[in-house]
Amino acid sequence: MSASLIKRILSSLVLAPLVLFVLWYGSWLFIIMMVVTFAVAMYEWAQMVKNLSRAPLWVVFGLLYIGQGFFSFYIIQKELDYHIFPVIITVWASDIGAYLFGKIIGGAKMIPKISPNKTWAGLVGAIILPYAFMVIAYYLKIDFLQMKAFTLYTPYILVAIVIGVFGQIGDLLISFIKRKANLKDTGNLIPGHGGLLDRIDALILVSPVLIITMIISFIMVCGITGYGCE
C-alpha cells in the first residue's frame, strides 16, 4: 500500500465522522461549516485561475458555480433534512466506486486530455457502488440513512445514475481547470486528497441535479398515480 493511499485513508477516517456529526447536529455548527468551506473553496478556485487569461471572468464563474452547489446543499439540509445522509454518503460511495473500478479494471480512458486517470470502468463503478449501497442500506433497515424517504418518488437506479454521471462530470470540470492552470491538485489542505475542491467537486454538481431529478420524479408520480399529491 502506497504512502499516498495510507494518507488518503487516514484523512478520510478523521474527516468523514466529523462531517457527518456536523450534518447530524445541524444548527450553528452546520452554518459555520458551510461558511468556512465555501470560503476555502473560493480561495482555492481563485488561486487556480489567477494566472489564466480573463481571470476575473473565471472568478465570477467559480463564484456562481460553487455558490449554486453550496446553495443546493443548504436546501437539502435545511428543507429536506432527512435526505442529507443518503446524499453525502452515496456521493462518497460513488467516488470510492470510481476509484476502485478504475484501479482494478482500468481500460479505456474517458477524456485523457483532461483527466488521464479517469476510465469508463470508473464511471460504471461510480454508478454501481452507490446503487448497491442504497439497496443494502434499505433492506438492512439502517434507519438513520432513511433510504426509503430519500427515494420515495425516485428509483434507486436513477439516483445512482445521476450521482455517478454528474459526479464524474463535476470532477472533470475541476480537472479541466487544473489542467488549464497546470496544477495537479486544487490545494494541499487534506493529506492524500489535495484541496477541498478535490473532495467536493462531485457534490457541487450532484446536489442541484439530484434536487431537480427528485422534483421531476415527484411531479411525474403525482401526475400519473396521484400518490403524494395531498
Protein backbone atom coordinates (compact mmCIF):
# COMPACT_ATOMS: atom_id res chain seq x y z
CA MET A 1 0.00 0.00 0.00
CA SER A 2 1.47 3.34 -1.06
CA ALA A 3 2.15 6.18 1.37
CA SER A 4 -0.30 8.38 -0.60
CA LEU A 5 -3.10 5.83 -0.22
CA ILE A 6 -2.40 5.49 3.50
CA LYS A 7 -2.65 9.29 3.90
CA ARG A 8 -5.87 9.23 1.88
CA ILE A 9 -7.43 6.57 4.11
CA LEU A 10 -6.32 8.21 7.37
CA SER A 11 -7.63 11.61 6.27
CA SER A 12 -10.98 10.03 5.38
CA LEU A 13 -11.21 8.25 8.73
CA VAL A 14 -10.71 11.56 10.54
CA LEU A 15 -12.80 13.86 8.36
CA ALA A 16 -15.79 11.66 7.47
CA PRO A 17 -17.09 11.20 11.05
CA LEU A 18 -16.54 14.91 11.74
CA VAL A 19 -18.53 15.99 8.67
CA LEU A 20 -21.34 13.52 9.41
CA PHE A 21 -21.55 14.73 13.01
CA VAL A 22 -21.87 18.36 11.90
CA LEU A 23 -24.58 17.43 9.39
CA TRP A 24 -26.44 15.44 12.04
CA TYR A 25 -26.15 18.18 14.66
CA GLY A 26 -27.04 20.98 12.24
CA SER A 27 -27.82 24.37 13.80
CA TRP A 28 -24.91 26.81 14.14
CA LEU A 29 -22.28 24.10 13.52
CA PHE A 30 -23.71 23.47 10.06
CA ILE A 31 -23.77 27.20 9.23
CA ILE A 32 -20.15 27.60 10.35
CA MET A 33 -19.08 24.59 8.29
CA MET A 34 -20.87 25.97 5.22
CA VAL A 35 -19.31 29.44 5.55
CA VAL A 36 -15.79 28.13 6.18
CA THR A 37 -15.85 25.50 3.43
CA PHE A 38 -17.32 27.96 0.91
CA ALA A 39 -14.57 30.48 1.74
CA VAL A 40 -11.88 27.80 1.39
CA ALA A 41 -13.37 26.52 -1.89
CA MET A 42 -13.48 30.03 -3.36
CA TYR A 43 -9.91 30.71 -2.22
CA GLU A 44 -8.70 27.52 -3.92
CA TRP A 45 -10.64 28.42 -7.08
CA ALA A 46 -9.21 31.95 -7.14
CA GLN A 47 -5.69 30.57 -6.71
CA MET A 48 -6.24 28.13 -9.57
CA VAL A 49 -7.48 30.68 -12.08
CA LYS A 50 -5.42 33.73 -11.11
CA ASN A 51 -2.90 33.21 -13.94
CA LEU A 52 -5.43 32.27 -16.61
CA SER A 53 -6.47 34.68 -19.31
CA ARG A 54 -9.59 36.61 -18.32
CA ALA A 55 -9.05 35.59 -14.71
CA PRO A 56 -11.80 37.89 -13.34
CA LEU A 57 -14.39 36.12 -15.51
CA TRP A 58 -13.16 32.75 -14.24
CA VAL A 59 -13.53 34.01 -10.67
CA VAL A 60 -17.10 35.10 -11.36
CA PHE A 61 -17.85 31.73 -12.98
CA GLY A 62 -16.42 29.97 -9.94
CA LEU A 63 -18.48 32.11 -7.58
CA LEU A 64 -21.66 31.21 -9.47
CA TYR A 65 -20.82 27.54 -9.96
CA ILE A 66 -19.57 26.81 -6.46
CA GLY A 67 -22.26 29.07 -4.99
CA GLN A 68 -25.11 27.13 -6.60
CA GLY A 69 -23.62 23.88 -5.30
CA PHE A 70 -23.45 25.17 -1.73
CA PHE A 71 -26.94 26.68 -2.01
CA SER A 72 -28.32 23.34 -3.21
CA PHE A 73 -26.59 21.52 -0.38
CA TYR A 74 -28.07 24.03 2.07
CA ILE A 75 -31.56 23.45 0.64
CA ILE A 76 -31.15 19.68 1.00
CA GLN A 77 -30.02 20.04 4.62
CA LYS A 78 -32.48 22.72 5.79
CA GLU A 79 -35.57 21.97 3.70
CA LEU A 80 -35.10 18.22 3.09
CA ASP A 81 -33.01 17.41 6.15
CA TYR A 82 -33.88 13.72 6.18
CA HIS A 83 -32.18 13.42 2.78
CA ILE A 84 -28.76 14.71 3.75
CA PHE A 85 -27.12 11.49 4.94
CA PRO A 86 -28.03 9.44 1.87
CA VAL A 87 -26.83 12.23 -0.42
CA ILE A 88 -23.42 12.71 1.17
CA ILE A 89 -22.76 9.00 1.74
CA THR A 90 -23.88 7.87 -1.72
CA VAL A 91 -21.68 10.55 -3.30
CA TRP A 92 -18.78 9.21 -1.23
CA ALA A 93 -19.69 5.67 -2.32
CA SER A 94 -19.67 6.85 -5.94
CA ASP A 95 -16.19 8.35 -5.53
CA ILE A 96 -14.93 5.11 -3.99
CA GLY A 97 -16.57 3.02 -6.74
CA ALA A 98 -14.96 5.14 -9.45
CA TYR A 99 -11.55 4.87 -7.76
CA LEU A 100 -11.73 1.08 -7.20
CA PHE A 101 -13.10 0.16 -10.63
CA GLY A 102 -10.63 2.50 -12.30
CA LYS A 103 -7.69 0.99 -10.41
CA ILE A 104 -8.73 -2.68 -10.58
CA ILE A 105 -10.30 -2.87 -14.07
CA GLY A 106 -8.69 0.11 -15.79
CA GLY A 107 -9.34 0.06 -19.52
CA ALA A 108 -10.26 2.84 -21.93
CA LYS A 109 -9.86 6.41 -20.74
CA MET A 110 -12.82 8.81 -20.73
CA ILE A 111 -11.16 12.13 -21.60
CA PRO A 112 -7.41 11.63 -21.19
CA LYS A 113 -6.56 15.19 -22.22
CA ILE A 114 -8.47 16.48 -19.18
CA SER A 115 -8.13 13.65 -16.67
CA PRO A 116 -5.69 10.88 -17.72
CA ASN A 117 -6.71 8.54 -14.88
CA LYS A 118 -10.47 8.53 -15.42
CA THR A 119 -11.78 5.42 -17.17
CA TRP A 120 -15.15 4.22 -18.41
CA ALA A 121 -14.83 1.37 -15.92
CA GLY A 122 -14.56 4.01 -13.20
CA LEU A 123 -17.84 5.55 -14.41
CA VAL A 124 -19.52 2.15 -14.13
CA GLY A 125 -18.17 1.81 -10.59
CA ALA A 126 -19.41 5.30 -9.77
CA ILE A 127 -22.95 4.08 -10.56
CA ILE A 128 -22.82 0.51 -9.24
CA LEU A 129 -21.43 1.16 -5.76
CA PRO A 130 -23.96 3.83 -4.66
CA TYR A 131 -26.77 1.70 -6.10
CA ALA A 132 -25.58 -1.35 -4.17
CA PHE A 133 -25.16 0.75 -1.04
CA MET A 134 -28.70 2.15 -1.26
CA VAL A 135 -30.22 -1.29 -1.77
CA ILE A 136 -28.24 -2.85 1.10
CA ALA A 137 -28.97 0.07 3.46
CA TYR A 138 -32.68 -0.14 2.67
CA TYR A 139 -33.01 -3.88 3.18
CA LEU A 140 -30.90 -3.83 6.33
CA LYS A 141 -33.21 -1.05 7.56
CA ILE A 142 -30.39 1.31 8.51
CA ASP A 143 -32.87 3.93 9.68
CA PHE A 144 -30.60 6.96 10.05
CA LEU A 145 -29.92 6.86 6.30
CA GLN A 146 -33.67 6.94 5.61
CA MET A 147 -33.23 5.44 2.18
CA LYS A 148 -37.00 5.00 1.72
CA ALA A 149 -37.66 8.70 2.24
CA PHE A 150 -34.69 9.62 0.06
CA THR A 151 -36.05 7.72 -2.93
CA LEU A 152 -39.78 7.83 -2.21
CA TYR A 153 -40.54 9.04 -5.74
CA THR A 154 -37.22 8.29 -7.43
CA PRO A 155 -35.99 4.76 -8.30
CA TYR A 156 -32.64 3.76 -6.76
CA ILE A 157 -31.05 3.13 -10.14
CA LEU A 158 -32.00 6.62 -11.37
CA VAL A 159 -30.47 8.18 -8.25
CA ALA A 160 -27.32 6.09 -8.75
CA ILE A 161 -27.04 7.14 -12.42
CA VAL A 162 -27.47 10.82 -11.54
CA ILE A 163 -24.87 10.61 -8.77
CA GLY A 164 -22.43 8.57 -10.86
CA VAL A 165 -22.67 10.50 -14.12
CA PHE A 166 -22.93 14.04 -12.79
CA GLY A 167 -20.39 13.33 -10.06
CA GLN A 168 -17.89 12.40 -12.75
CA ILE A 169 -18.80 15.48 -14.80
CA GLY A 170 -18.26 17.68 -11.74
CA ASP A 171 -14.89 16.00 -11.19
CA LEU A 172 -13.94 16.51 -14.84
CA LEU A 173 -14.85 20.19 -14.70
CA ILE A 174 -12.44 20.81 -11.82
CA SER A 175 -9.84 18.65 -13.60
CA PHE A 176 -10.26 20.82 -16.70
CA ILE A 177 -9.49 23.97 -14.69
CA LYS A 178 -6.50 22.29 -13.04
CA ARG A 179 -5.20 21.23 -16.45
CA LYS A 180 -5.51 24.78 -17.80
CA ALA A 181 -3.67 26.07 -14.72
CA ASN A 182 -1.01 23.29 -14.88
CA LEU A 183 -1.87 22.07 -11.38
CA LYS A 184 -2.16 18.54 -10.03
CA ASP A 185 -4.46 19.41 -7.10
CA THR A 186 -6.63 22.35 -6.11
CA GLY A 187 -4.59 22.71 -2.92
CA ASN A 188 -2.88 20.73 -0.17
CA LEU A 189 -5.38 21.15 2.67
CA ILE A 190 -6.25 17.45 3.01
CA PRO A 191 -3.32 14.99 3.13
CA GLY A 192 -3.61 12.35 0.41
CA HIS A 193 -6.55 14.10 -1.25
CA GLY A 194 -5.29 17.54 -2.24
CA GLY A 195 -7.52 20.56 -1.78
CA LEU A 196 -11.08 20.89 -0.54
CA LEU A 197 -12.35 21.26 -4.12
CA ASP A 198 -10.75 17.92 -4.96
CA ARG A 199 -13.08 16.35 -2.39
CA ILE A 200 -16.33 18.20 -3.08
CA ASP A 201 -16.12 18.55 -6.87
CA ALA A 202 -18.74 15.83 -7.41
CA LEU A 203 -21.07 17.09 -4.68
CA ILE A 204 -21.13 20.62 -6.13
CA LEU A 205 -22.82 19.39 -9.32
CA VAL A 206 -24.69 16.36 -7.95
CA SER A 207 -26.64 18.34 -5.33
CA PRO A 208 -28.62 20.62 -7.71
CA VAL A 209 -29.12 17.90 -10.33
CA LEU A 210 -30.42 15.50 -7.67
CA ILE A 211 -32.90 18.09 -6.40
CA ILE A 212 -34.17 18.64 -9.96
CA THR A 213 -34.39 14.87 -10.53
CA MET A 214 -36.42 14.34 -7.36
CA ILE A 215 -38.77 17.23 -8.19
CA ILE A 216 -39.39 15.88 -11.71
CA SER A 217 -39.92 12.37 -10.32
CA PHE A 218 -42.41 13.69 -7.76
CA ILE A 219 -44.35 15.59 -10.43
CA MET A 220 -44.46 12.52 -12.70
CA VAL A 221 -45.55 10.14 -9.92
CA CYS A 222 -48.10 12.63 -8.64
CA GLY A 223 -49.46 13.30 -12.12
CA ILE A 224 -49.70 9.64 -13.13
CA THR A 225 -50.81 7.98 -9.89
CA GLY A 226 -51.94 10.82 -7.67
CA TYR A 227 -49.72 9.42 -4.90
CA GLY A 228 -48.30 12.05 -2.53
CA CYS A 229 -50.22 14.95 -4.05
CA GLU A 230 -52.19 15.69 -0.91
